[in-house]
């Protein structure tokens, strides 16, 4: 039976503390010179938009550092980190800074989570994951699964994956702005299920697009595919556009929901 849990969505990488429910977490952004180009295949080429030195909320049950990678091809209605979308924005943290942090945190951290943006967009991801594993840390990944080929390349390097499935396939375009992302995301989901990796599927529910019936349909589909851990995340307005915030607040006022 699929386990479904309602929790707040992932937090902003530059927050001093987490928003919403959950235990207190130290979240410290580290900054530095711009990283190299995305085309580079080594970890030093990563465009890193932020680094959280300690998080308790990015990998269930683990203490981790979280690396936020720049760039995402989607335009989700509720995106709360639009500053991470542009693939041409240079990084503000170097991979060497991540190395230095990990060298100091042996025995204090369980692992490193690569988040975004969309981390599988960047060619240096696999090299970075190998470095993390070689240092004795677990490797976690947050992804929307929209680059199945790159996802397949890093799948065997991951100890845990948080995979965002945004909506039932026919509604993907309405949520993400990219209808073709549905087939890619579900292809990545099938790969993850076949690999038997520790997997959590997450869906942020935008009530302006998804009805309760749509959510129930998605839950049935995921259960039929073999998903055992499906988390429903409540949409929030922090960092979103003024238009989305106004529409959501009007909807909640009319429907009597929070």
Foldseek 3Di string as FASTA:
>chain_A
DADEAEAADDADQPDCWGDDDDDTKGRHWDFADFAADLPDQAQSRFQWATKGLWDPPPAPPWTEIETAGAAAPWDFQQDQCVVRHDNPDTHGDGVVVVVVSLVVQVVPGQAYEYHYNAVLSGNNPQNSLVVRVVSPHAYEYEHQQQPVVSLVVCLVSHQEYEYEQAFPLVCPCVGTVDSVSNVRSVSSVLVNVVVPHHYAYEYEDDVVRDDPVRVVVVVVVCVVSPHRHYYYHYRDRNRGDPVSVVVSVVVCVVVVHD
